[in-house]
Amino acid sequence: MRFMEAYFFSFDGTKIFYRYMPLNKKKPVLVFIHSLGSNWTLWKQELLIFEKKGYSTLTFDLRGHGLSGIPLHDEDYLFPNFAK
């Protein structure tokens, strides 16, 4: 099966990149979130390991990181906006 790379728009219009690999529907989807100053590629090794074990995986670039958009205002970087 092939992974899907796409974008969605967050509540404030920021373009967010994600990568999803759908595999075994009987296993949970594992979600990988990178840290400050990084991007989704931080998890490449782990994604391969868990995907070989049949787990679906989801990872994305946080706002202002990697392939995601850069918010217009400083307050758009407040923690609650990352959580939304």
PDB file of N, CA and C in Angstrom:
ATOM      1  N   MET A   1       0.833  -1.183   0.000  1.00  0.00           N
ATOM      2  CA  MET A   1       0.000   0.000   0.000  1.00  0.00           C
ATOM      3  C   MET A   1       0.879   1.249   0.000  1.00  0.00           C
ATOM      4  N   ARG A   2       0.400   2.293  -0.567  1.00  0.00           N
ATOM      5  CA  ARG A   2       1.153   3.536  -0.725  1.00  0.00           C
ATOM      6  C   ARG A   2       0.671   4.578   0.278  1.00  0.00           C
ATOM      7  N   PHE A   3       1.597   5.353   0.807  1.00  0.00           N
ATOM      8  CA  PHE A   3       1.214   6.408   1.749  1.00  0.00           C
ATOM      9  C   PHE A   3       0.635   7.598   1.007  1.00  0.00           C
ATOM     10  N   MET A   4      -0.107   8.414   1.753  1.00  0.00           N
ATOM     11  CA  MET A   4      -0.746   9.594   1.201  1.00  0.00           C
ATOM     12  C   MET A   4      -0.093  10.826   1.820  1.00  0.00           C
ATOM     13  N   GLU A   5       0.287  11.769   0.998  1.00  0.00           N
ATOM     14  CA  GLU A   5       0.788  13.057   1.452  1.00  0.00           C
ATOM     15  C   GLU A   5      -0.176  14.113   0.947  1.00  0.00           C
ATOM     16  N   ALA A   6      -0.617  14.986   1.842  1.00  0.00           N
ATOM     17  CA  ALA A   6      -1.599  15.998   1.456  1.00  0.00           C
ATOM     18  C   ALA A   6      -1.540  17.163   2.437  1.00  0.00           C
ATOM     19  N   TYR A   7      -2.456  18.089   2.262  1.00  0.00           N
ATOM     20  CA  TYR A   7      -2.565  19.265   3.119  1.00  0.00           C
ATOM     21  C   TYR A   7      -4.005  19.417   3.585  1.00  0.00           C
ATOM     22  N   PHE A   8      -4.168  20.046   4.736  1.00  0.00           N
ATOM     23  CA  PHE A   8      -5.479  20.522   5.163  1.00  0.00           C
ATOM     24  C   PHE A   8      -5.270  21.927   5.725  1.00  0.00           C
ATOM     25  N   PHE A   9      -6.346  22.643   5.906  1.00  0.00           N
ATOM     26  CA  PHE A   9      -6.259  23.992   6.454  1.00  0.00           C
ATOM     27  C   PHE A   9      -6.777  23.985   7.885  1.00  0.00           C
ATOM     28  N   SER A  10      -5.981  24.531   8.796  1.00  0.00           N
ATOM     29  CA  SER A  10      -6.381  24.590  10.195  1.00  0.00           C
ATOM     30  C   SER A  10      -7.460  25.642  10.398  1.00  0.00           C
ATOM     31  N   PHE A  11      -7.939  25.769  11.624  1.00  0.00           N
ATOM     32  CA  PHE A  11      -9.030  26.678  11.952  1.00  0.00           C
ATOM     33  C   PHE A  11      -8.752  28.126  11.533  1.00  0.00           C
ATOM     34  N   ASP A  12      -7.461  28.511  11.497  1.00  0.00           N
ATOM     35  CA  ASP A  12      -7.121  29.895  11.158  1.00  0.00           C
ATOM     36  C   ASP A  12      -6.597  30.043   9.731  1.00  0.00           C
ATOM     37  N   GLY A  13      -6.742  29.000   8.938  1.00  0.00           N
ATOM     38  CA  GLY A  13      -6.349  29.062   7.538  1.00  0.00           C
ATOM     39  C   GLY A  13      -4.909  28.676   7.250  1.00  0.00           C
ATOM     40  N   THR A  14      -4.141  28.278   8.278  1.00  0.00           N
ATOM     41  CA  THR A  14      -2.758  27.853   8.053  1.00  0.00           C
ATOM     42  C   THR A  14      -2.760  26.489   7.358  1.00  0.00           C
ATOM     43  N   LYS A  15      -1.990  26.372   6.301  1.00  0.00           N
ATOM     44  CA  LYS A  15      -1.885  25.138   5.519  1.00  0.00           C
ATOM     45  C   LYS A  15      -0.979  24.160   6.278  1.00  0.00           C
ATOM     46  N   ILE A  16      -1.507  22.965   6.594  1.00  0.00           N
ATOM     47  CA  ILE A  16      -0.784  21.958   7.366  1.00  0.00           C
ATOM     48  C   ILE A  16      -0.532  20.722   6.501  1.00  0.00           C
ATOM     49  N   PHE A  17       0.740  20.321   6.414  1.00  0.00           N
ATOM     50  CA  PHE A  17       1.130  19.127   5.653  1.00  0.00           C
ATOM     51  C   PHE A  17       1.008  17.897   6.544  1.00  0.00           C
ATOM     52  N   TYR A  18       0.542  16.781   5.949  1.00  0.00           N
ATOM     53  CA  TYR A  18       0.542  15.508   6.679  1.00  0.00           C
ATOM     54  C   TYR A  18       0.881  14.346   5.752  1.00  0.00           C
ATOM     55  N   ARG A  19       1.326  13.266   6.394  1.00  0.00           N
ATOM     56  CA  ARG A  19       1.628  12.008   5.707  1.00  0.00           C
ATOM     57  C   ARG A  19       0.897  10.901   6.443  1.00  0.00           C
ATOM     58  N   TYR A  20       0.103  10.111   5.707  1.00  0.00           N
ATOM     59  CA  TYR A  20      -0.691   9.042   6.303  1.00  0.00           C
ATOM     60  C   TYR A  20      -0.452   7.751   5.546  1.00  0.00           C
ATOM     61  N   MET A  21      -0.180   6.682   6.297  1.00  0.00           N
ATOM     62  CA  MET A  21      -0.008   5.356   5.698  1.00  0.00           C
ATOM     63  C   MET A  21      -1.074   4.436   6.295  1.00  0.00           C
ATOM     64  N   PRO A  22      -2.152   4.178   5.542  1.00  0.00           N
ATOM     65  CA  PRO A  22      -3.189   3.277   6.051  1.00  0.00           C
ATOM     66  C   PRO A  22      -2.791   1.820   5.833  1.00  0.00           C
ATOM     67  N   LEU A  23      -2.788   1.056   6.908  1.00  0.00           N
ATOM     68  CA  LEU A  23      -2.437  -0.366   6.789  1.00  0.00           C
ATOM     69  C   LEU A  23      -3.519  -1.227   7.438  1.00  0.00           C
ATOM     70  N   ASN A  24      -3.205  -1.923   8.491  1.00  0.00           N
ATOM     71  CA  ASN A  24      -4.111  -2.865   9.130  1.00  0.00           C
ATOM     72  C   ASN A  24      -5.163  -2.123   9.958  1.00  0.00           C
ATOM     73  N   LYS A  25      -6.439  -2.227   9.561  1.00  0.00           N
ATOM     74  CA  LYS A  25      -7.513  -1.527  10.257  1.00  0.00           C
ATOM     75  C   LYS A  25      -7.789  -2.098  11.642  1.00  0.00           C
ATOM     76  N   LYS A  26      -7.248  -3.276  11.932  1.00  0.00           N
ATOM     77  CA  LYS A  26      -7.456  -3.889  13.243  1.00  0.00           C
ATOM     78  C   LYS A  26      -6.447  -3.391  14.278  1.00  0.00           C
ATOM     79  N   LYS A  27      -5.426  -2.680  13.822  1.00  0.00           N
ATOM     80  CA  LYS A  27      -4.422  -2.123  14.730  1.00  0.00           C
ATOM     81  C   LYS A  27      -4.635  -0.617  14.834  1.00  0.00           C
ATOM     82  N   PRO A  28      -4.212  -0.026  15.945  1.00  0.00           N
ATOM     83  CA  PRO A  28      -4.389   1.430  16.082  1.00  0.00           C
ATOM     84  C   PRO A  28      -3.503   2.212  15.114  1.00  0.00           C
ATOM     85  N   VAL A  29      -3.910   3.433  14.849  1.00  0.00           N
ATOM     86  CA  VAL A  29      -3.095   4.357  14.056  1.00  0.00           C
ATOM     87  C   VAL A  29      -2.119   5.025  15.016  1.00  0.00           C
ATOM     88  N   LEU A  30      -0.840   4.976  14.701  1.00  0.00           N
ATOM     89  CA  LEU A  30       0.180   5.623  15.521  1.00  0.00           C
ATOM     90  C   LEU A  30       0.431   7.025  14.982  1.00  0.00           C
ATOM     91  N   VAL A  31       0.374   8.014  15.864  1.00  0.00           N
ATOM     92  CA  VAL A  31       0.547   9.413  15.486  1.00  0.00           C
ATOM     93  C   VAL A  31       1.896   9.895  16.008  1.00  0.00           C
ATOM     94  N   PHE A  32       2.701  10.466  15.120  1.00  0.00           N
ATOM     95  CA  PHE A  32       4.034  10.961  15.456  1.00  0.00           C
ATOM     96  C   PHE A  32       4.055  12.477  15.311  1.00  0.00           C
ATOM     97  N   ILE A  33       4.456  13.175  16.388  1.00  0.00           N
ATOM     98  CA  ILE A  33       4.508  14.637  16.387  1.00  0.00           C
ATOM     99  C   ILE A  33       5.937  15.069  16.685  1.00  0.00           C
ATOM    100  N   HIS A  34       6.513  15.853  15.807  1.00  0.00           N
ATOM    101  CA  HIS A  34       7.896  16.307  15.979  1.00  0.00           C
ATOM    102  C   HIS A  34       7.998  17.423  17.012  1.00  0.00           C
ATOM    103  N   SER A  35       9.202  17.764  17.368  1.00  0.00           N
ATOM    104  CA  SER A  35       9.453  18.821  18.346  1.00  0.00           C
ATOM    105  C   SER A  35       9.762  20.147  17.649  1.00  0.00           C
ATOM    106  N   LEU A  36       9.964  21.171  18.445  1.00  0.00           N
ATOM    107  CA  LEU A  36      10.250  22.513  17.941  1.00  0.00           C
ATOM    108  C   LEU A  36      11.496  22.506  17.060  1.00  0.00           C
ATOM    109  N   GLY A  37      11.404  23.152  15.906  1.00  0.00           N
ATOM    110  CA  GLY A  37      12.545  23.284  15.007  1.00  0.00           C
ATOM    111  C   GLY A  37      12.804  22.075  14.134  1.00  0.00           C
ATOM    112  N   SER A  38      11.888  21.144  14.087  1.00  0.00           N
ATOM    113  CA  SER A  38      12.069  19.929  13.294  1.00  0.00           C
ATOM    114  C   SER A  38      10.924  19.824  12.289  1.00  0.00           C
ATOM    115  N   ASN A  39      10.752  18.638  11.709  1.00  0.00           N
ATOM    116  CA  ASN A  39       9.613  18.375  10.838  1.00  0.00           C
ATOM    117  C   ASN A  39       9.305  16.878  10.857  1.00  0.00           C
ATOM    118  N   TRP A  40       8.340  16.454  10.055  1.00  0.00           N
ATOM    119  CA  TRP A  40       7.886  15.063  10.090  1.00  0.00           C
ATOM    120  C   TRP A  40       8.999  14.062   9.787  1.00  0.00           C
ATOM    121  N   THR A  41      10.021  14.467   9.045  1.00  0.00           N
ATOM    122  CA  THR A  41      11.072  13.520   8.646  1.00  0.00           C
ATOM    123  C   THR A  41      11.902  13.033   9.831  1.00  0.00           C
ATOM    124  N   LEU A  42      11.773  13.683  10.971  1.00  0.00           N
ATOM    125  CA  LEU A  42      12.434  13.223  12.197  1.00  0.00           C
ATOM    126  C   LEU A  42      12.057  11.774  12.496  1.00  0.00           C
ATOM    127  N   TRP A  43      10.868  11.358  12.081  1.00  0.00           N
ATOM    128  CA  TRP A  43      10.331  10.042  12.418  1.00  0.00           C
ATOM    129  C   TRP A  43      10.479   8.991  11.320  1.00  0.00           C
ATOM    130  N   LYS A  44      11.240   9.262  10.263  1.00  0.00           N
ATOM    131  CA  LYS A  44      11.302   8.330   9.124  1.00  0.00           C
ATOM    132  C   LYS A  44      11.661   6.888   9.538  1.00  0.00           C
ATOM    133  N   GLN A  45      12.672   6.726  10.371  1.00  0.00           N
ATOM    134  CA  GLN A  45      13.097   5.377  10.791  1.00  0.00           C
ATOM    135  C   GLN A  45      11.974   4.669  11.550  1.00  0.00           C
ATOM    136  N   GLU A  46      11.359   5.382  12.494  1.00  0.00           N
ATOM    137  CA  GLU A  46      10.289   4.784  13.297  1.00  0.00           C
ATOM    138  C   GLU A  46       9.071   4.439  12.443  1.00  0.00           C
ATOM    139  N   LEU A  47       8.757   5.307  11.488  1.00  0.00           N
ATOM    140  CA  LEU A  47       7.638   5.028  10.600  1.00  0.00           C
ATOM    141  C   LEU A  47       7.855   3.715   9.855  1.00  0.00           C
ATOM    142  N   LEU A  48       9.049   3.525   9.323  1.00  0.00           N
ATOM    143  CA  LEU A  48       9.358   2.283   8.595  1.00  0.00           C
ATOM    144  C   LEU A  48       9.222   1.057   9.492  1.00  0.00           C
ATOM    145  N   ILE A  49       9.715   1.154  10.708  1.00  0.00           N
ATOM    146  CA  ILE A  49       9.651   0.020  11.647  1.00  0.00           C
ATOM    147  C   ILE A  49       8.205  -0.369  11.938  1.00  0.00           C
ATOM    148  N   PHE A  50       7.384   0.627  12.306  1.00  0.00           N
ATOM    149  CA  PHE A  50       6.003   0.326  12.673  1.00  0.00           C
ATOM    150  C   PHE A  50       5.141  -0.043  11.471  1.00  0.00           C
ATOM    151  N   GLU A  51       5.404   0.544  10.314  1.00  0.00           N
ATOM    152  CA  GLU A  51       4.658   0.183   9.117  1.00  0.00           C
ATOM    153  C   GLU A  51       4.960  -1.255   8.699  1.00  0.00           C
ATOM    154  N   LYS A  52       6.205  -1.705   8.879  1.00  0.00           N
ATOM    155  CA  LYS A  52       6.546  -3.108   8.575  1.00  0.00           C
ATOM    156  C   LYS A  52       5.794  -4.066   9.496  1.00  0.00           C
ATOM    157  N   LYS A  53       5.424  -3.576  10.701  1.00  0.00           N
ATOM    158  CA  LYS A  53       4.671  -4.391  11.663  1.00  0.00           C
ATOM    159  C   LYS A  53       3.167  -4.286  11.439  1.00  0.00           C
ATOM    160  N   GLY A  54       2.765  -3.537  10.407  1.00  0.00           N
ATOM    161  CA  GLY A  54       1.360  -3.457  10.049  1.00  0.00           C
ATOM    162  C   GLY A  54       0.574  -2.326  10.688  1.00  0.00           C
ATOM    163  N   TYR A  55       1.241  -1.415  11.384  1.00  0.00           N
ATOM    164  CA  TYR A  55       0.542  -0.287  11.991  1.00  0.00           C
ATOM    165  C   TYR A  55       0.348   0.828  10.974  1.00  0.00           C
ATOM    166  N   SER A  56      -0.834   1.421  10.978  1.00  0.00           N
ATOM    167  CA  SER A  56      -1.055   2.637  10.201  1.00  0.00           C
ATOM    168  C   SER A  56      -0.343   3.771  10.928  1.00  0.00           C
ATOM    169  N   THR A  57       0.195   4.717  10.172  1.00  0.00           N
ATOM    170  CA  THR A  57       0.913   5.828  10.789  1.00  0.00           C
ATOM    171  C   THR A  57       0.424   7.160  10.230  1.00  0.00           C
ATOM    172  N   LEU A  58       0.487   8.167  11.086  1.00  0.00           N
ATOM    173  CA  LEU A  58       0.141   9.525  10.704  1.00  0.00           C
ATOM    174  C   LEU A  58       1.188  10.450  11.300  1.00  0.00           C
ATOM    175  N   THR A  59       1.753  11.308  10.489  1.00  0.00           N
ATOM    176  CA  THR A  59       2.677  12.326  10.961  1.00  0.00           C
ATOM    177  C   THR A  59       2.426  13.595  10.166  1.00  0.00           C
ATOM    178  N   PHE A  60       2.815  14.706  10.737  1.00  0.00           N
ATOM    179  CA  PHE A  60       2.548  15.986  10.075  1.00  0.00           C
ATOM    180  C   PHE A  60       3.585  17.012  10.500  1.00  0.00           C
ATOM    181  N   ASP A  61       3.619  18.100   9.765  1.00  0.00           N
ATOM    182  CA  ASP A  61       4.478  19.222  10.124  1.00  0.00           C
ATOM    183  C   ASP A  61       3.641  20.242  10.885  1.00  0.00           C
ATOM    184  N   LEU A  62       4.109  20.618  12.057  1.00  0.00           N
ATOM    185  CA  LEU A  62       3.431  21.654  12.823  1.00  0.00           C
ATOM    186  C   LEU A  62       3.473  22.974  12.061  1.00  0.00           C
ATOM    187  N   ARG A  63       2.598  23.879  12.403  1.00  0.00           N
ATOM    188  CA  ARG A  63       2.553  25.193  11.745  1.00  0.00           C
ATOM    189  C   ARG A  63       3.911  25.872  11.817  1.00  0.00           C
ATOM    190  N   GLY A  64       4.359  26.413  10.692  1.00  0.00           N
ATOM    191  CA  GLY A  64       5.650  27.082  10.636  1.00  0.00           C
ATOM    192  C   GLY A  64       6.841  26.148  10.545  1.00  0.00           C
ATOM    193  N   HIS A  65       6.615  24.861  10.334  1.00  0.00           N
ATOM    194  CA  HIS A  65       7.689  23.867  10.244  1.00  0.00           C
ATOM    195  C   HIS A  65       7.555  23.088   8.936  1.00  0.00           C
ATOM    196  N   GLY A  66       8.680  22.625   8.418  1.00  0.00           N
ATOM    197  CA  GLY A  66       8.681  21.750   7.243  1.00  0.00           C
ATOM    198  C   GLY A  66       7.855  22.279   6.089  1.00  0.00           C
ATOM    199  N   LEU A  67       6.913  21.454   5.634  1.00  0.00           N
ATOM    200  CA  LEU A  67       6.092  21.791   4.478  1.00  0.00           C
ATOM    201  C   LEU A  67       4.794  22.510   4.838  1.00  0.00           C
ATOM    202  N   SER A  68       4.567  22.750   6.119  1.00  0.00           N
ATOM    203  CA  SER A  68       3.361  23.467   6.542  1.00  0.00           C
ATOM    204  C   SER A  68       3.555  24.974   6.375  1.00  0.00           C
ATOM    205  N   GLY A  69       2.432  25.661   6.354  1.00  0.00           N
ATOM    206  CA  GLY A  69       2.457  27.100   6.165  1.00  0.00           C
ATOM    207  C   GLY A  69       2.945  27.857   7.391  1.00  0.00           C
ATOM    208  N   ILE A  70       3.310  29.101   7.157  1.00  0.00           N
ATOM    209  CA  ILE A  70       3.784  29.987   8.213  1.00  0.00           C
ATOM    210  C   ILE A  70       2.647  30.939   8.578  1.00  0.00           C
ATOM    211  N   PRO A  71       2.187  30.895   9.823  1.00  0.00           N
ATOM    212  CA  PRO A  71       1.124  31.819  10.230  1.00  0.00           C
ATOM    213  C   PRO A  71       1.566  33.276  10.100  1.00  0.00           C
ATOM    214  N   LEU A  72       0.590  34.160   9.940  1.00  0.00           N
ATOM    215  CA  LEU A  72       0.869  35.567   9.713  1.00  0.00           C
ATOM    216  C   LEU A  72       1.208  36.347  10.980  1.00  0.00           C
ATOM    217  N   HIS A  73       0.673  35.925  12.118  1.00  0.00           N
ATOM    218  CA  HIS A  73       0.811  36.692  13.349  1.00  0.00           C
ATOM    219  C   HIS A  73       1.538  35.882  14.424  1.00  0.00           C
ATOM    220  N   ASP A  74       2.316  36.567  15.263  1.00  0.00           N
ATOM    221  CA  ASP A  74       3.051  35.892  16.338  1.00  0.00           C
ATOM    222  C   ASP A  74       2.119  35.112  17.261  1.00  0.00           C
ATOM    223  N   GLU A  75       0.948  35.666  17.557  1.00  0.00           N
ATOM    224  CA  GLU A  75       0.017  34.988  18.468  1.00  0.00           C
ATOM    225  C   GLU A  75      -0.516  33.675  17.886  1.00  0.00           C
ATOM    226  N   ASP A  76      -0.361  33.487  16.576  1.00  0.00           N
ATOM    227  CA  ASP A  76      -0.770  32.221  15.956  1.00  0.00           C
ATOM    228  C   ASP A  76       0.116  31.059  16.395  1.00  0.00           C
ATOM    229  N   TYR A  77       1.242  31.367  17.028  1.00  0.00           N
ATOM    230  CA  TYR A  77       2.165  30.338  17.511  1.00  0.00           C
ATOM    231  C   TYR A  77       1.912  29.972  18.971  1.00  0.00           C
ATOM    232  N   LEU A  78       0.873  30.509  19.590  1.00  0.00           N
ATOM    233  CA  LEU A  78       0.572  30.150  20.977  1.00  0.00           C
ATOM    234  C   LEU A  78       0.184  28.676  21.051  1.00  0.00           C
ATOM    235  N   PHE A  79       0.547  28.046  22.152  1.00  0.00           N
ATOM    236  CA  PHE A  79       0.349  26.602  22.299  1.00  0.00           C
ATOM    237  C   PHE A  79      -1.085  26.151  22.015  1.00  0.00           C
ATOM    238  N   PRO A  80      -2.120  26.852  22.504  1.00  0.00           N
ATOM    239  CA  PRO A  80      -3.485  26.397  22.206  1.00  0.00           C
ATOM    240  C   PRO A  80      -3.773  26.278  20.701  1.00  0.00           C
ATOM    241  N   ASN A  81      -3.127  27.110  19.895  1.00  0.00           N
ATOM    242  CA  ASN A  81      -3.342  27.029  18.450  1.00  0.00           C
ATOM    243  C   ASN A  81      -2.706  25.781  17.850  1.00  0.00           C
ATOM    244  N   PHE A  82      -1.610  25.305  18.431  1.00  0.00           N
ATOM    245  CA  PHE A  82      -1.027  24.036  17.978  1.00  0.00           C
ATOM    246  C   PHE A  82      -1.984  22.879  18.322  1.00  0.00           C
ATOM    247  N   ALA A  83      -2.614  22.980  19.464  1.00  0.00           N
ATOM    248  CA  ALA A  83      -3.520  21.911  19.923  1.00  0.00           C
ATOM    249  C   ALA A  83      -4.815  21.868  19.122  1.00  0.00           C
ATOM    250  N   LYS A  84      -5.280  23.024  18.650  1.00  0.00           N
ATOM    251  CA  LYS A  84      -6.534  23.047  17.874  1.00  0.00           C
ATOM    252  C   LYS A  84      -6.371  22.282  16.586  1.00  0.00           C
TER     253      LYS A  84
END
